[in-house]
Each structure stands twice: as C-alpha cells, then as structure tokens.
Amino acid sequence: RLVHGQSGLDAALRATDVLFGGSMAGLQATDLVDIFADVPSTELAPDKVADRPAIEVAVAAGLCASKGEARRLATGGGLYINNERASSADVVVQRNQIIDGRILVMRSGRKSFHLVKIV
C-alpha cells in the first residue's frame, strides 16, 4: 500500500534517479531543494556563478579547497554541473544552467553533491 500515493512514489523515484546521476531535465528549483535537503549548500551571488569558470564556482561553493584541486577534478572527469560532466577545466557555468535562476547542483565524483543557492 502506498502511503503517499502515486505522486509520492513518482517523486521518490525521480529523486533516487537524480541522486544516482540521472537527468535533472524538467525539475524545478523547489524539487531540487527537496531532493538535496541533506547535502551541503552554499549561497552565492549570481555574479559569482553565471558566466564563471566551473572550477572557480566549485571553490567558491566549497566543493573543492583550491583551484588546483578543482582543475584536477575536472581534468579527471569527476566534476559535474547538474549531473552533467564538465568536459574540461575550462568549462564555464552558463546562465541557463542555473535552474529557475536560483539553484545549481555541483558534484565531485559519484556521490559528493553540493547545492549552490543563488541569492
């Protein structure tokens, strides 16, 4: 018996998919805040995120301790923006990647998520 009904089950399945690297397409900022309620988060100003190198955003958010660490992570294929791999250390966070103008999800490796809240 479903305690939260079909919509609750659908939401739980969607959250599980996202947490295991699935697409975030179609999700709203509020969905992501709920899904990532238990992961570290940082509030950053829009000009610290949009049109900035992903490695700088990773450091500003606290995902990486230094630009060198972030660069190595990106070069090794372990830096993700909204569950999409940053293809190189030169990747820039695009304004349209910020979901609802409020949320960016960064990830280091398989399971280390960090929620960036744009304020």
PDB file of N, CA and C in Angstrom:
ATOM      1  N   ARG A   1       0.835  -1.184   0.000  1.00  0.00           N
ATOM      2  CA  ARG A   1       0.000   0.000   0.000  1.00  0.00           C
ATOM      3  C   ARG A   1       0.879   1.247   0.000  1.00  0.00           C
ATOM      4  N   LEU A   2       0.566   2.204  -0.860  1.00  0.00           N
ATOM      5  CA  LEU A   2       1.346   3.430  -0.966  1.00  0.00           C
ATOM      6  C   LEU A   2       0.858   4.450   0.053  1.00  0.00           C
ATOM      7  N   VAL A   3       1.748   4.860   0.945  1.00  0.00           N
ATOM      8  CA  VAL A   3       1.378   5.812   1.986  1.00  0.00           C
ATOM      9  C   VAL A   3       1.161   7.206   1.394  1.00  0.00           C
ATOM     10  N   HIS A   4       2.011   7.584   0.457  1.00  0.00           N
ATOM     11  CA  HIS A   4       1.928   8.927  -0.124  1.00  0.00           C
ATOM     12  C   HIS A   4       1.315   8.934  -1.520  1.00  0.00           C
ATOM     13  N   GLY A   5       0.730   7.822  -1.920  1.00  0.00           N
ATOM     14  CA  GLY A   5       0.086   7.762  -3.221  1.00  0.00           C
ATOM     15  C   GLY A   5       1.078   7.682  -4.361  1.00  0.00           C
ATOM     16  N   GLN A   6       0.526   7.650  -5.559  1.00  0.00           N
ATOM     17  CA  GLN A   6       1.352   7.522  -6.764  1.00  0.00           C
ATOM     18  C   GLN A   6       2.277   8.715  -6.941  1.00  0.00           C
ATOM     19  N   SER A   7       1.803   9.927  -6.652  1.00  0.00           N
ATOM     20  CA  SER A   7       2.649  11.109  -6.850  1.00  0.00           C
ATOM     21  C   SER A   7       3.845  11.085  -5.902  1.00  0.00           C
ATOM     22  N   GLY A   8       3.643  10.597  -4.685  1.00  0.00           N
ATOM     23  CA  GLY A   8       4.754  10.476  -3.736  1.00  0.00           C
ATOM     24  C   GLY A   8       5.772   9.459  -4.200  1.00  0.00           C
ATOM     25  N   LEU A   9       5.283   8.348  -4.741  1.00  0.00           N
ATOM     26  CA  LEU A   9       6.157   7.311  -5.274  1.00  0.00           C
ATOM     27  C   LEU A   9       6.946   7.853  -6.469  1.00  0.00           C
ATOM     28  N   ASP A  10       6.258   8.547  -7.366  1.00  0.00           N
ATOM     29  CA  ASP A  10       6.928   9.134  -8.530  1.00  0.00           C
ATOM     30  C   ASP A  10       8.022  10.100  -8.104  1.00  0.00           C
ATOM     31  N   ALA A  11       7.723  10.939  -7.108  1.00  0.00           N
ATOM     32  CA  ALA A  11       8.711  11.909  -6.622  1.00  0.00           C
ATOM     33  C   ALA A  11       9.915  11.195  -6.019  1.00  0.00           C
ATOM     34  N   ALA A  12       9.674  10.135  -5.264  1.00  0.00           N
ATOM     35  CA  ALA A  12      10.764   9.385  -4.648  1.00  0.00           C
ATOM     36  C   ALA A  12      11.632   8.709  -5.705  1.00  0.00           C
ATOM     37  N   LEU A  13      10.999   8.147  -6.729  1.00  0.00           N
ATOM     38  CA  LEU A  13      11.761   7.506  -7.805  1.00  0.00           C
ATOM     39  C   LEU A  13      12.586   8.526  -8.575  1.00  0.00           C
ATOM     40  N   ARG A  14      12.009   9.689  -8.825  1.00  0.00           N
ATOM     41  CA  ARG A  14      12.720  10.757  -9.537  1.00  0.00           C
ATOM     42  C   ARG A  14      13.927  11.232  -8.719  1.00  0.00           C
ATOM     43  N   ALA A  15      13.721  11.395  -7.408  1.00  0.00           N
ATOM     44  CA  ALA A  15      14.807  11.824  -6.525  1.00  0.00           C
ATOM     45  C   ALA A  15      15.938  10.800  -6.532  1.00  0.00           C
ATOM     46  N   THR A  16      15.593   9.526  -6.468  1.00  0.00           N
ATOM     47  CA  THR A  16      16.595   8.468  -6.486  1.00  0.00           C
ATOM     48  C   THR A  16      17.377   8.499  -7.794  1.00  0.00           C
ATOM     49  N   ASP A  17      16.672   8.681  -8.905  1.00  0.00           N
ATOM     50  CA  ASP A  17      17.328   8.752 -10.207  1.00  0.00           C
ATOM     51  C   ASP A  17      18.335   9.904 -10.242  1.00  0.00           C
ATOM     52  N   VAL A  18      17.940  11.079  -9.761  1.00  0.00           N
ATOM     53  CA  VAL A  18      18.822  12.248  -9.758  1.00  0.00           C
ATOM     54  C   VAL A  18      20.029  12.003  -8.856  1.00  0.00           C
ATOM     55  N   LEU A  19      19.810  11.420  -7.693  1.00  0.00           N
ATOM     56  CA  LEU A  19      20.909  11.168  -6.759  1.00  0.00           C
ATOM     57  C   LEU A  19      21.913  10.154  -7.299  1.00  0.00           C
ATOM     58  N   PHE A  20      21.484   9.348  -8.266  1.00  0.00           N
ATOM     59  CA  PHE A  20      22.402   8.388  -8.871  1.00  0.00           C
ATOM     60  C   PHE A  20      22.845   8.818 -10.265  1.00  0.00           C
ATOM     61  N   GLY A  21      22.817  10.138 -10.507  1.00  0.00           N
ATOM     62  CA  GLY A  21      23.378  10.671 -11.736  1.00  0.00           C
ATOM     63  C   GLY A  21      22.416  10.848 -12.877  1.00  0.00           C
ATOM     64  N   GLY A  22      21.129  10.664 -12.651  1.00  0.00           N
ATOM     65  CA  GLY A  22      20.141  10.812 -13.711  1.00  0.00           C
ATOM     66  C   GLY A  22      19.927  12.262 -14.104  1.00  0.00           C
ATOM     67  N   SER A  23      19.207  12.453 -15.172  1.00  0.00           N
ATOM     68  CA  SER A  23      18.950  13.786 -15.708  1.00  0.00           C
ATOM     69  C   SER A  23      18.109  14.634 -14.755  1.00  0.00           C
ATOM     70  N   MET A  24      18.394  15.925 -14.748  1.00  0.00           N
ATOM     71  CA  MET A  24      17.613  16.865 -13.951  1.00  0.00           C
ATOM     72  C   MET A  24      16.620  17.628 -14.822  1.00  0.00           C
ATOM     73  N   ALA A  25      16.522  17.240 -16.079  1.00  0.00           N
ATOM     74  CA  ALA A  25      15.631  17.930 -17.012  1.00  0.00           C
ATOM     75  C   ALA A  25      14.204  17.929 -16.482  1.00  0.00           C
ATOM     76  N   GLY A  26      13.580  19.080 -16.544  1.00  0.00           N
ATOM     77  CA  GLY A  26      12.188  19.197 -16.136  1.00  0.00           C
ATOM     78  C   GLY A  26      11.977  19.425 -14.655  1.00  0.00           C
ATOM     79  N   LEU A  27      13.040  19.372 -13.873  1.00  0.00           N
ATOM     80  CA  LEU A  27      12.886  19.613 -12.446  1.00  0.00           C
ATOM     81  C   LEU A  27      12.925  21.106 -12.142  1.00  0.00           C
ATOM     82  N   GLN A  28      12.148  21.496 -11.160  1.00  0.00           N
ATOM     83  CA  GLN A  28      12.118  22.889 -10.714  1.00  0.00           C
ATOM     84  C   GLN A  28      13.116  23.062  -9.573  1.00  0.00           C
ATOM     85  N   ALA A  29      13.465  24.306  -9.265  1.00  0.00           N
ATOM     86  CA  ALA A  29      14.374  24.601  -8.155  1.00  0.00           C
ATOM     87  C   ALA A  29      13.832  24.023  -6.844  1.00  0.00           C
ATOM     88  N   THR A  30      12.521  24.140  -6.627  1.00  0.00           N
ATOM     89  CA  THR A  30      11.940  23.627  -5.377  1.00  0.00           C
ATOM     90  C   THR A  30      12.098  22.110  -5.279  1.00  0.00           C
ATOM     91  N   ASP A  31      11.985  21.401  -6.411  1.00  0.00           N
ATOM     92  CA  ASP A  31      12.198  19.945  -6.410  1.00  0.00           C
ATOM     93  C   ASP A  31      13.623  19.633  -5.972  1.00  0.00           C
ATOM     94  N   LEU A  32      14.586  20.381  -6.516  1.00  0.00           N
ATOM     95  CA  LEU A  32      15.994  20.121  -6.217  1.00  0.00           C
ATOM     96  C   LEU A  32      16.326  20.451  -4.768  1.00  0.00           C
ATOM     97  N   VAL A  33      15.738  21.511  -4.239  1.00  0.00           N
ATOM     98  CA  VAL A  33      15.953  21.850  -2.830  1.00  0.00           C
ATOM     99  C   VAL A  33      15.455  20.702  -1.952  1.00  0.00           C
ATOM    100  N   ASP A  34      14.320  20.109  -2.311  1.00  0.00           N
ATOM    101  CA  ASP A  34      13.791  18.966  -1.561  1.00  0.00           C
ATOM    102  C   ASP A  34      14.691  17.743  -1.706  1.00  0.00           C
ATOM    103  N   ILE A  35      15.076  17.437  -2.935  1.00  0.00           N
ATOM    104  CA  ILE A  35      15.908  16.254  -3.197  1.00  0.00           C
ATOM    105  C   ILE A  35      17.249  16.359  -2.471  1.00  0.00           C
ATOM    106  N   PHE A  36      17.829  17.559  -2.488  1.00  0.00           N
ATOM    107  CA  PHE A  36      19.165  17.749  -1.919  1.00  0.00           C
ATOM    108  C   PHE A  36      19.132  18.432  -0.548  1.00  0.00           C
ATOM    109  N   ALA A  37      18.055  18.200   0.198  1.00  0.00           N
ATOM    110  CA  ALA A  37      17.892  18.835   1.509  1.00  0.00           C
ATOM    111  C   ALA A  37      19.003  18.456   2.484  1.00  0.00           C
ATOM    112  N   ASP A  38      19.583  17.283   2.326  1.00  0.00           N
ATOM    113  CA  ASP A  38      20.576  16.803   3.281  1.00  0.00           C
ATOM    114  C   ASP A  38      22.019  16.933   2.805  1.00  0.00           C
ATOM    115  N   VAL A  39      22.243  17.639   1.709  1.00  0.00           N
ATOM    116  CA  VAL A  39      23.620  17.804   1.232  1.00  0.00           C
ATOM    117  C   VAL A  39      24.103  19.214   1.586  1.00  0.00           C
ATOM    118  N   PRO A  40      25.416  19.394   1.652  1.00  0.00           N
ATOM    119  CA  PRO A  40      25.937  20.738   1.949  1.00  0.00           C
ATOM    120  C   PRO A  40      25.468  21.742   0.896  1.00  0.00           C
ATOM    121  N   SER A  41      25.263  22.962   1.339  1.00  0.00           N
ATOM    122  CA  SER A  41      24.855  24.004   0.398  1.00  0.00           C
ATOM    123  C   SER A  41      25.571  25.307   0.729  1.00  0.00           C
ATOM    124  N   THR A  42      25.660  26.148  -0.280  1.00  0.00           N
ATOM    125  CA  THR A  42      26.294  27.448  -0.150  1.00  0.00           C
ATOM    126  C   THR A  42      25.449  28.459  -0.894  1.00  0.00           C
ATOM    127  N   GLU A  43      25.341  29.653  -0.333  1.00  0.00           N
ATOM    128  CA  GLU A  43      24.652  30.743  -1.020  1.00  0.00           C
ATOM    129  C   GLU A  43      25.705  31.625  -1.687  1.00  0.00           C
ATOM    130  N   LEU A  44      25.520  31.871  -2.982  1.00  0.00           N
ATOM    131  CA  LEU A  44      26.445  32.718  -3.738  1.00  0.00           C
ATOM    132  C   LEU A  44      25.651  33.741  -4.538  1.00  0.00           C
ATOM    133  N   ALA A  45      26.252  34.889  -4.763  1.00  0.00           N
ATOM    134  CA  ALA A  45      25.641  35.923  -5.599  1.00  0.00           C
ATOM    135  C   ALA A  45      25.674  35.466  -7.056  1.00  0.00           C
ATOM    136  N   PRO A  46      24.709  35.903  -7.864  1.00  0.00           N
ATOM    137  CA  PRO A  46      24.664  35.487  -9.277  1.00  0.00           C
ATOM    138  C   PRO A  46      25.969  35.738 -10.024  1.00  0.00           C
ATOM    139  N   ASP A  47      26.642  36.848  -9.741  1.00  0.00           N
ATOM    140  CA  ASP A  47      27.883  37.158 -10.465  1.00  0.00           C
ATOM    141  C   ASP A  47      29.059  36.273 -10.055  1.00  0.00           C
ATOM    142  N   LYS A  48      28.890  35.468  -9.014  1.00  0.00           N
ATOM    143  CA  LYS A  48      29.925  34.515  -8.602  1.00  0.00           C
ATOM    144  C   LYS A  48      29.717  33.148  -9.249  1.00  0.00           C
ATOM    145  N   VAL A  49      28.590  33.010  -9.993  1.00  0.00           N
ATOM    146  CA  VAL A  49      28.249  31.713 -10.575  1.00  0.00           C
ATOM    147  C   VAL A  49      28.107  31.795 -12.098  1.00  0.00           C
ATOM    148  N   ALA A  50      27.184  32.630 -12.571  1.00  0.00           N
ATOM    149  CA  ALA A  50      26.891  32.719 -14.004  1.00  0.00           C
ATOM    150  C   ALA A  50      28.077  33.280 -14.769  1.00  0.00           C
ATOM    151  N   ASP A  51      28.391  32.633 -15.883  1.00  0.00           N
ATOM    152  CA  ASP A  51      29.469  33.048 -16.772  1.00  0.00           C
ATOM    153  C   ASP A  51      30.848  33.010 -16.099  1.00  0.00           C
ATOM    154  N   ARG A  52      30.989  32.161 -15.093  1.00  0.00           N
ATOM    155  CA  ARG A  52      32.261  31.988 -14.385  1.00  0.00           C
ATOM    156  C   ARG A  52      32.792  30.584 -14.655  1.00  0.00           C
ATOM    157  N   PRO A  53      34.124  30.415 -14.643  1.00  0.00           N
ATOM    158  CA  PRO A  53      34.668  29.058 -14.812  1.00  0.00           C
ATOM    159  C   PRO A  53      34.139  28.125 -13.719  1.00  0.00           C
ATOM    160  N   ALA A  54      33.772  26.925 -14.104  1.00  0.00           N
ATOM    161  CA  ALA A  54      33.217  25.945 -13.160  1.00  0.00           C
ATOM    162  C   ALA A  54      34.182  25.670 -12.012  1.00  0.00           C
ATOM    163  N   ILE A  55      35.486  25.687 -12.298  1.00  0.00           N
ATOM    164  CA  ILE A  55      36.443  25.412 -11.214  1.00  0.00           C
ATOM    165  C   ILE A  55      36.411  26.536 -10.170  1.00  0.00           C
ATOM    166  N   GLU A  56      36.178  27.775 -10.591  1.00  0.00           N
ATOM    167  CA  GLU A  56      36.065  28.885  -9.635  1.00  0.00           C
ATOM    168  C   GLU A  56      34.791  28.751  -8.809  1.00  0.00           C
ATOM    169  N   VAL A  57      33.707  28.347  -9.448  1.00  0.00           N
ATOM    170  CA  VAL A  57      32.439  28.158  -8.726  1.00  0.00           C
ATOM    171  C   VAL A  57      32.587  27.018  -7.718  1.00  0.00           C
ATOM    172  N   ALA A  58      33.270  25.949  -8.114  1.00  0.00           N
ATOM    173  CA  ALA A  58      33.480  24.810  -7.210  1.00  0.00           C
ATOM    174  C   ALA A  58      34.237  25.237  -5.955  1.00  0.00           C
ATOM    175  N   VAL A  59      35.217  26.118  -6.111  1.00  0.00           N
ATOM    176  CA  VAL A  59      35.986  26.617  -4.961  1.00  0.00           C
ATOM    177  C   VAL A  59      35.131  27.574  -4.129  1.00  0.00           C
ATOM    178  N   ALA A  60      34.435  28.504  -4.789  1.00  0.00           N
ATOM    179  CA  ALA A  60      33.593  29.474  -4.073  1.00  0.00           C
ATOM    180  C   ALA A  60      32.499  28.769  -3.279  1.00  0.00           C
ATOM    181  N   ALA A  61      31.973  27.679  -3.820  1.00  0.00           N
ATOM    182  CA  ALA A  61      30.904  26.936  -3.157  1.00  0.00           C
ATOM    183  C   ALA A  61      31.426  26.053  -2.026  1.00  0.00           C
ATOM    184  N   GLY A  62      32.729  25.783  -2.026  1.00  0.00           N
ATOM    185  CA  GLY A  62      33.294  24.917  -1.004  1.00  0.00           C
ATOM    186  C   GLY A  62      33.343  23.450  -1.404  1.00  0.00           C
ATOM    187  N   LEU A  63      33.027  23.152  -2.660  1.00  0.00           N
ATOM    188  CA  LEU A  63      33.107  21.775  -3.137  1.00  0.00           C
ATOM    189  C   LEU A  63      34.567  21.328  -3.208  1.00  0.00           C
ATOM    190  N   CYS A  64      35.441  22.255  -3.599  1.00  0.00           N
ATOM    191  CA  CYS A  64      36.885  21.989  -3.685  1.00  0.00           C
ATOM    192  C   CYS A  64      37.623  23.025  -2.838  1.00  0.00           C
ATOM    193  N   ALA A  65      38.759  22.622  -2.293  1.00  0.00           N
ATOM    194  CA  ALA A  65      39.528  23.501  -1.411  1.00  0.00           C
ATOM    195  C   ALA A  65      40.358  24.532  -2.174  1.00  0.00           C
ATOM    196  N   SER A  66      40.689  24.219  -3.428  1.00  0.00           N
ATOM    197  CA  SER A  66      41.536  25.130  -4.196  1.00  0.00           C
ATOM    198  C   SER A  66      41.242  24.997  -5.685  1.00  0.00           C
ATOM    199  N   LYS A  67      41.706  25.991  -6.455  1.00  0.00           N
ATOM    200  CA  LYS A  67      41.540  25.911  -7.913  1.00  0.00           C
ATOM    201  C   LYS A  67      42.305  24.723  -8.471  1.00  0.00           C
ATOM    202  N   GLY A  68      43.467  24.440  -7.896  1.00  0.00           N
ATOM    203  CA  GLY A  68      44.256  23.292  -8.354  1.00  0.00           C
ATOM    204  C   GLY A  68      43.500  21.990  -8.178  1.00  0.00           C
ATOM    205  N   GLU A  69      42.873  21.842  -7.000  1.00  0.00           N
ATOM    206  CA  GLU A  69      42.078  20.634  -6.744  1.00  0.00           C
ATOM    207  C   GLU A  69      40.898  20.559  -7.714  1.00  0.00           C
ATOM    208  N   ALA A  70      40.235  21.683  -7.937  1.00  0.00           N
ATOM    209  CA  ALA A  70      39.090  21.719  -8.849  1.00  0.00           C
ATOM    210  C   ALA A  70      39.531  21.408 -10.278  1.00  0.00           C
ATOM    211  N   ARG A  71      40.670  21.941 -10.675  1.00  0.00           N
ATOM    212  CA  ARG A  71      41.191  21.693 -12.022  1.00  0.00           C
ATOM    213  C   ARG A  71      41.502  20.210 -12.212  1.00  0.00           C
ATOM    214  N   ARG A  72      42.145  19.604 -11.203  1.00  0.00           N
ATOM    215  CA  ARG A  72      42.456  18.156 -11.286  1.00  0.00           C
ATOM    216  C   ARG A  72      41.175  17.332 -11.347  1.00  0.00           C
ATOM    217  N   LEU A  73      40.179  17.736 -10.557  1.00  0.00           N
ATOM    218  CA  LEU A  73      38.900  17.032 -10.549  1.00  0.00           C
ATOM    219  C   LEU A  73      38.253  17.098 -11.928  1.00  0.00           C
ATOM    220  N   ALA A  74      38.210  18.291 -12.516  1.00  0.00           N
ATOM    221  CA  ALA A  74      37.599  18.473 -13.841  1.00  0.00           C
ATOM    222  C   ALA A  74      38.387  17.717 -14.910  1.00  0.00           C
ATOM    223  N   THR A  75      39.704  17.822 -14.872  1.00  0.00           N
ATOM    224  CA  THR A  75      40.547  17.146 -15.856  1.00  0.00           C
ATOM    225  C   THR A  75      40.377  15.637 -15.782  1.00  0.00           C
ATOM    226  N   GLY A  76      40.174  15.117 -14.575  1.00  0.00           N
ATOM    227  CA  GLY A  76      39.981  13.684 -14.383  1.00  0.00           C
ATOM    228  C   GLY A  76      38.557  13.223 -14.644  1.00  0.00           C
ATOM    229  N   GLY A  77      37.666  14.148 -15.021  1.00  0.00           N
ATOM    230  CA  GLY A  77      36.290  13.781 -15.344  1.00  0.00           C
ATOM    231  C   GLY A  77      35.388  13.625 -14.133  1.00  0.00           C
ATOM    232  N   GLY A  78      35.784  14.184 -12.990  1.00  0.00           N
ATOM    233  CA  GLY A  78      34.997  13.996 -11.780  1.00  0.00           C
ATOM    234  C   GLY A  78      34.192  15.200 -11.326  1.00  0.00           C
ATOM    235  N   LEU A  79      34.166  16.276 -12.128  1.00  0.00           N
ATOM    236  CA  LEU A  79      33.391  17.467 -11.768  1.00  0.00           C
ATOM    237  C   LEU A  79      32.119  17.502 -12.600  1.00  0.00           C
ATOM    238  N   TYR A  80      30.990  17.637 -11.929  1.00  0.00           N
ATOM    239  CA  TYR A  80      29.690  17.640 -12.603  1.00  0.00           C
ATOM    240  C   TYR A  80      28.903  18.896 -12.260  1.00  0.00           C
ATOM    241  N   ILE A  81      28.177  19.398 -13.245  1.00  0.00           N
ATOM    242  CA  ILE A  81      27.261  20.521 -13.063  1.00  0.00           C
ATOM    243  C   ILE A  81      25.881  20.007 -13.453  1.00  0.00           C
ATOM    244  N   ASN A  82      24.960  20.015 -12.500  1.00  0.00           N
ATOM    245  CA  ASN A  82      23.614  19.487 -12.743  1.00  0.00           C
ATOM    246  C   ASN A  82      23.657  18.078 -13.338  1.00  0.00           C
ATOM    247  N   ASN A  83      24.538  17.251 -12.795  1.00  0.00           N
ATOM    248  CA  ASN A  83      24.717  15.850 -13.201  1.00  0.00           C
ATOM    249  C   ASN A  83      25.257  15.679 -14.617  1.00  0.00           C
ATOM    250  N   GLU A  84      25.810  16.743 -15.182  1.00  0.00           N
ATOM    251  CA  GLU A  84      26.482  16.630 -16.477  1.00  0.00           C
ATOM    252  C   GLU A  84      27.966  16.872 -16.265  1.00  0.00           C
ATOM    253  N   ARG A  85      28.780  15.953 -16.763  1.00  0.00           N
ATOM    254  CA  ARG A  85      30.224  16.045 -16.561  1.00  0.00           C
ATOM    255  C   ARG A  85      30.792  17.307 -17.212  1.00  0.00           C
ATOM    256  N   ALA A  86      31.624  18.011 -16.460  1.00  0.00           N
ATOM    257  CA  ALA A  86      32.365  19.143 -17.024  1.00  0.00           C
ATOM    258  C   ALA A  86      33.447  18.534 -17.904  1.00  0.00           C
ATOM    259  N   SER A  87      33.408  18.833 -19.182  1.00  0.00           N
ATOM    260  CA  SER A  87      34.276  18.148 -20.146  1.00  0.00           C
ATOM    261  C   SER A  87      35.743  18.545 -20.038  1.00  0.00           C
ATOM    262  N   SER A  88      36.034  19.669 -19.382  1.00  0.00           N
ATOM    263  CA  SER A  88      37.421  20.093 -19.198  1.00  0.00           C
ATOM    264  C   SER A  88      37.488  21.109 -18.055  1.00  0.00           C
ATOM    265  N   ALA A  89      38.697  21.510 -17.716  1.00  0.00           N
ATOM    266  CA  ALA A  89      38.887  22.506 -16.660  1.00  0.00           C
ATOM    267  C   ALA A  89      38.478  23.902 -17.133  1.00  0.00           C
ATOM    268  N   ASP A  90      38.203  24.051 -18.423  1.00  0.00           N
ATOM    269  CA  ASP A  90      37.857  25.362 -18.984  1.00  0.00           C
ATOM    270  C   ASP A  90      36.348  25.602 -19.080  1.00  0.00           C
ATOM    271  N   VAL A  91      35.551  24.659 -18.621  1.00  0.00           N
ATOM    272  CA  VAL A  91      34.094  24.788 -18.714  1.00  0.00           C
ATOM    273  C   VAL A  91      33.629  25.999 -17.899  1.00  0.00           C
ATOM    274  N   VAL A  92      32.706  26.748 -18.493  1.00  0.00           N
ATOM    275  CA  VAL A  92      32.129  27.923 -17.844  1.00  0.00           C
ATOM    276  C   VAL A  92      30.669  27.612 -17.501  1.00  0.00           C
ATOM    277  N   VAL A  93      30.252  28.008 -16.309  1.00  0.00           N
ATOM    278  CA  VAL A  93      28.855  27.816 -15.909  1.00  0.00           C
ATOM    279  C   VAL A  93      28.010  28.823 -16.681  1.00  0.00           C
ATOM    280  N   GLN A  94      27.086  28.305 -17.461  1.00  0.00           N
ATOM    281  CA  GLN A  94      26.214  29.160 -18.263  1.00  0.00           C
ATOM    282  C   GLN A  94      25.007  29.601 -17.441  1.00  0.00           C
ATOM    283  N   ARG A  95      24.519  30.784 -17.715  1.00  0.00           N
ATOM    284  CA  ARG A  95      23.354  31.321 -17.004  1.00  0.00           C
ATOM    285  C   ARG A  95      22.157  30.375 -17.095  1.00  0.00           C
ATOM    286  N   ASN A  96      21.984  29.728 -18.257  1.00  0.00           N
ATOM    287  CA  ASN A  96      20.834  28.837 -18.429  1.00  0.00           C
ATOM    288  C   ASN A  96      20.969  27.514 -17.661  1.00  0.00           C
ATOM    289  N   GLN A  97      22.137  27.259 -17.074  1.00  0.00           N
ATOM    290  CA  GLN A  97      22.309  26.065 -16.246  1.00  0.00           C
ATOM    291  C   GLN A  97      21.788  26.286 -14.823  1.00  0.00           C
ATOM    292  N   ILE A  98      21.581  27.534 -14.452  1.00  0.00           N
ATOM    293  CA  ILE A  98      21.068  27.847 -13.122  1.00  0.00           C
ATOM    294  C   ILE A  98      19.556  27.637 -13.166  1.00  0.00           C
ATOM    295  N   ILE A  99      19.094  26.623 -12.477  1.00  0.00           N
ATOM    296  CA  ILE A  99      17.692  26.206 -12.552  1.00  0.00           C
ATOM    297  C   ILE A  99      16.802  27.235 -11.856  1.00  0.00           C
ATOM    298  N   ASP A 100      15.826  27.731 -12.616  1.00  0.00           N
ATOM    299  CA  ASP A 100      14.911  28.779 -12.150  1.00  0.00           C
ATOM    300  C   ASP A 100      15.658  30.011 -11.649  1.00  0.00           C
ATOM    301  N   GLY A 101      16.893  30.193 -12.123  1.00  0.00           N
ATOM    302  CA  GLY A 101      17.687  31.340 -11.694  1.00  0.00           C
ATOM    303  C   GLY A 101      18.084  31.279 -10.234  1.00  0.00           C
ATOM    304  N   ARG A 102      17.913  30.097  -9.606  1.00  0.00           N
ATOM    305  CA  ARG A 102      18.143  30.003  -8.163  1.00  0.00           C
ATOM    306  C   ARG A 102      19.049  28.871  -7.704  1.00  0.00           C
ATOM    307  N   ILE A 103      19.164  27.801  -8.481  1.00  0.00           N
ATOM    308  CA  ILE A 103      19.836  26.590  -7.988  1.00  0.00           C
ATOM    309  C   ILE A 103      20.793  26.016  -9.033  1.00  0.00           C
ATOM    310  N   LEU A 104      21.971  25.619  -8.544  1.00  0.00           N
ATOM    311  CA  LEU A 104      22.941  24.889  -9.354  1.00  0.00           C
ATOM    312  C   LEU A 104      23.401  23.721  -8.494  1.00  0.00           C
ATOM    313  N   VAL A 105      23.428  22.538  -9.076  1.00  0.00           N
ATOM    314  CA  VAL A 105      23.888  21.364  -8.338  1.00  0.00           C
ATOM    315  C   VAL A 105      25.266  20.990  -8.864  1.00  0.00           C
ATOM    316  N   MET A 106      26.245  20.967  -7.965  1.00  0.00           N
ATOM    317  CA  MET A 106      27.596  20.560  -8.341  1.00  0.00           C
ATOM    318  C   MET A 106      27.881  19.226  -7.668  1.00  0.00           C
ATOM    319  N   ARG A 107      28.747  18.456  -8.314  1.00  0.00           N
ATOM    320  CA  ARG A 107      29.071  17.146  -7.763  1.00  0.00           C
ATOM    321  C   ARG A 107      30.536  16.848  -8.009  1.00  0.00           C
ATOM    322  N   SER A 108      31.137  16.231  -7.017  1.00  0.00           N
ATOM    323  CA  SER A 108      32.507  15.765  -7.101  1.00  0.00           C
ATOM    324  C   SER A 108      32.465  14.249  -7.041  1.00  0.00           C
ATOM    325  N   GLY A 109      32.909  13.595  -8.113  1.00  0.00           N
ATOM    326  CA  GLY A 109      32.884  12.137  -8.130  1.00  0.00           C
ATOM    327  C   GLY A 109      31.469  11.583  -8.194  1.00  0.00           C
ATOM    328  N   ARG A 110      31.271  10.415  -7.614  1.00  0.00           N
ATOM    329  CA  ARG A 110      29.977   9.749  -7.712  1.00  0.00           C
ATOM    330  C   ARG A 110      28.916  10.290  -6.767  1.00  0.00           C
ATOM    331  N   LYS A 111      29.303  10.636  -5.541  1.00  0.00           N
ATOM    332  CA  LYS A 111      28.282  10.889  -4.535  1.00  0.00           C
ATOM    333  C   LYS A 111      28.411  12.187  -3.757  1.00  0.00           C
ATOM    334  N   SER A 112      29.423  12.973  -3.995  1.00  0.00           N
ATOM    335  CA  SER A 112      29.630  14.180  -3.205  1.00  0.00           C
ATOM    336  C   SER A 112      28.933  15.370  -3.858  1.00  0.00           C
ATOM    337  N   PHE A 113      27.685  15.607  -3.463  1.00  0.00           N
ATOM    338  CA  PHE A 113      26.883  16.686  -4.018  1.00  0.00           C
ATOM    339  C   PHE A 113      27.054  17.965  -3.219  1.00  0.00           C
ATOM    340  N   HIS A 114      26.841  19.084  -3.900  1.00  0.00           N
ATOM    341  CA  HIS A 114      26.837  20.388  -3.227  1.00  0.00           C
ATOM    342  C   HIS A 114      25.801  21.254  -3.936  1.00  0.00           C
ATOM    343  N   LEU A 115      24.882  21.805  -3.165  1.00  0.00           N
ATOM    344  CA  LEU A 115      23.828  22.652  -3.703  1.00  0.00           C
ATOM    345  C   LEU A 115      24.278  24.110  -3.628  1.00  0.00           C
ATOM    346  N   VAL A 116      24.250  24.794  -4.770  1.00  0.00           N
ATOM    347  CA  VAL A 116      24.599  26.210  -4.810  1.00  0.00           C
ATOM    348  C   VAL A 116      23.300  26.991  -4.956  1.00  0.00           C
ATOM    349  N   LYS A 117      23.010  27.799  -3.941  1.00  0.00           N
ATOM    350  CA  LYS A 117      21.801  28.620  -3.954  1.00  0.00           C
ATOM    351  C   LYS A 117      22.186  30.032  -4.391  1.00  0.00           C
ATOM    352  N   ILE A 118      21.536  30.526  -5.443  1.00  0.00           N
ATOM    353  CA  ILE A 118      21.854  31.839  -5.972  1.00  0.00           C
ATOM    354  C   ILE A 118      20.959  32.848  -5.253  1.00  0.00           C
ATOM    355  N   VAL A 119      21.600  33.786  -4.578  1.00  0.00           N
ATOM    356  CA  VAL A 119      20.834  34.787  -3.800  1.00  0.00           C
ATOM    357  C   VAL A 119      21.244  36.200  -4.165  1.00  0.00           C
TER     358      VAL A 119
END
